[in-house]
Amino acid sequence: MIDTLANKLEQDHEILKEITSNISRNDLLKAQINAIEDGIFYSSLIVGERLKRSSIRSSIKKRLDENFD
């Protein structure tokens, strides 16, 4: 049973390594920006302030990578 689970985990790990090796740095930054942007946007709504998504995105880009397009 443990050997089976260990083998499955190892296979899944190899699959995950393959998937992540195909993701570019730019794609990872986009995913980070989207996740952070959503968090900030929805948090601002909770406190009653409506921030523009474009402003949020611009600020995040500058902080993560000023050369990011």
C-alpha atoms as a PDB file:
ATOM      1  CA  MET A   1       0.000   0.000   0.000  1.00  0.00           C
ATOM      2  CA  ILE A   2       2.716   2.502   0.985  1.00  0.00           C
ATOM      3  CA  ASP A   3       4.839   1.502  -2.004  1.00  0.00           C
ATOM      4  CA  THR A   4       1.878   2.092  -4.317  1.00  0.00           C
ATOM      5  CA  LEU A   5       1.257   5.533  -2.835  1.00  0.00           C
ATOM      6  CA  ALA A   6       4.959   6.386  -3.007  1.00  0.00           C
ATOM      7  CA  ASN A   7       5.096   5.379  -6.680  1.00  0.00           C
ATOM      8  CA  LYS A   8       1.977   7.413  -7.460  1.00  0.00           C
ATOM      9  CA  LEU A   9       3.438  10.418  -5.652  1.00  0.00           C
ATOM     10  CA  GLU A  10       6.682  10.081  -7.582  1.00  0.00           C
ATOM     11  CA  GLN A  11       4.786   9.886 -10.890  1.00  0.00           C
ATOM     12  CA  ASP A  12       2.709  12.942  -9.993  1.00  0.00           C
ATOM     13  CA  HIS A  13       5.872  14.794  -9.014  1.00  0.00           C
ATOM     14  CA  GLU A  14       7.448  14.044 -12.397  1.00  0.00           C
ATOM     15  CA  ILE A  15       4.303  15.217 -14.197  1.00  0.00           C
ATOM     16  CA  LEU A  16       4.282  18.426 -12.167  1.00  0.00           C
ATOM     17  CA  LYS A  17       7.965  19.043 -12.907  1.00  0.00           C
ATOM     18  CA  GLU A  18       7.268  18.612 -16.629  1.00  0.00           C
ATOM     19  CA  ILE A  19       4.318  21.000 -16.543  1.00  0.00           C
ATOM     20  CA  THR A  20       6.173  23.690 -14.605  1.00  0.00           C
ATOM     21  CA  SER A  21       9.249  23.426 -16.805  1.00  0.00           C
ATOM     22  CA  ASN A  22       7.071  24.466 -19.744  1.00  0.00           C
ATOM     23  CA  ILE A  23       5.744  27.570 -18.012  1.00  0.00           C
ATOM     24  CA  SER A  24       7.684  30.671 -18.901  1.00  0.00           C
ATOM     25  CA  ARG A  25       8.748  33.304 -16.392  1.00  0.00           C
ATOM     26  CA  ASN A  26       6.343  35.710 -18.068  1.00  0.00           C
ATOM     27  CA  ASP A  27       3.411  33.316 -17.598  1.00  0.00           C
ATOM     28  CA  LEU A  28       4.304  32.849 -13.938  1.00  0.00           C
ATOM     29  CA  LEU A  29       4.391  36.619 -13.428  1.00  0.00           C
ATOM     30  CA  LYS A  30       1.000  36.953 -15.122  1.00  0.00           C
ATOM     31  CA  ALA A  31      -0.474  34.331 -12.806  1.00  0.00           C
ATOM     32  CA  GLN A  32       1.022  36.059  -9.759  1.00  0.00           C
ATOM     33  CA  ILE A  33      -0.281  39.437 -10.856  1.00  0.00           C
ATOM     34  CA  ASN A  34      -3.780  38.071 -11.485  1.00  0.00           C
ATOM     35  CA  ALA A  35      -3.944  36.395  -8.077  1.00  0.00           C
ATOM     36  CA  ILE A  36      -2.662  39.449  -6.217  1.00  0.00           C
ATOM     37  CA  GLU A  37      -4.900  41.781  -8.228  1.00  0.00           C
ATOM     38  CA  ASP A  38      -7.994  39.746  -7.384  1.00  0.00           C
ATOM     39  CA  GLY A  39      -7.110  39.707  -3.699  1.00  0.00           C
ATOM     40  CA  ILE A  40      -6.575  43.457  -3.537  1.00  0.00           C
ATOM     41  CA  PHE A  41      -9.673  44.239  -5.594  1.00  0.00           C
ATOM     42  CA  TYR A  42     -12.020  42.112  -3.502  1.00  0.00           C
ATOM     43  CA  SER A  43     -10.442  43.286  -0.244  1.00  0.00           C
ATOM     44  CA  SER A  44     -11.027  46.885  -1.285  1.00  0.00           C
ATOM     45  CA  LEU A  45     -14.696  46.124  -1.911  1.00  0.00           C
ATOM     46  CA  ILE A  46     -15.010  44.616   1.553  1.00  0.00           C
ATOM     47  CA  VAL A  47     -13.730  47.817   3.170  1.00  0.00           C
ATOM     48  CA  GLY A  48     -16.015  49.912   0.975  1.00  0.00           C
ATOM     49  CA  GLU A  49     -13.451  51.359  -1.398  1.00  0.00           C
ATOM     50  CA  ARG A  50     -13.572  50.636  -5.119  1.00  0.00           C
ATOM     51  CA  LEU A  51     -10.119  50.575  -6.688  1.00  0.00           C
ATOM     52  CA  LYS A  52      -9.571  50.448 -10.437  1.00  0.00           C
ATOM     53  CA  ARG A  53      -8.202  47.129 -11.609  1.00  0.00           C
ATOM     54  CA  SER A  54      -5.893  48.908 -14.054  1.00  0.00           C
ATOM     55  CA  SER A  55      -4.322  50.905 -11.211  1.00  0.00           C
ATOM     56  CA  ILE A  56      -3.926  47.801  -9.084  1.00  0.00           C
ATOM     57  CA  ARG A  57      -2.335  45.896 -11.974  1.00  0.00           C
ATOM     58  CA  SER A  58       0.063  48.730 -12.766  1.00  0.00           C
ATOM     59  CA  SER A  59       1.249  48.950  -9.159  1.00  0.00           C
ATOM     60  CA  ILE A  60       1.726  45.203  -8.891  1.00  0.00           C
ATOM     61  CA  LYS A  61       3.694  45.050 -12.144  1.00  0.00           C
ATOM     62  CA  LYS A  62       6.046  47.771 -10.954  1.00  0.00           C
ATOM     63  CA  ARG A  63       6.684  45.967  -7.684  1.00  0.00           C
ATOM     64  CA  LEU A  64       7.141  42.489  -9.169  1.00  0.00           C
ATOM     65  CA  ASP A  65       9.134  43.386 -12.257  1.00  0.00           C
ATOM     66  CA  GLU A  66       9.447  46.849 -13.734  1.00  0.00           C
ATOM     67  CA  ASN A  67      10.404  45.340 -17.105  1.00  0.00           C
ATOM     68  CA  PHE A  68       7.307  43.140 -17.228  1.00  0.00           C
ATOM     69  CA  ASP A  69       4.919  43.922 -20.085  1.00  0.00           C
END
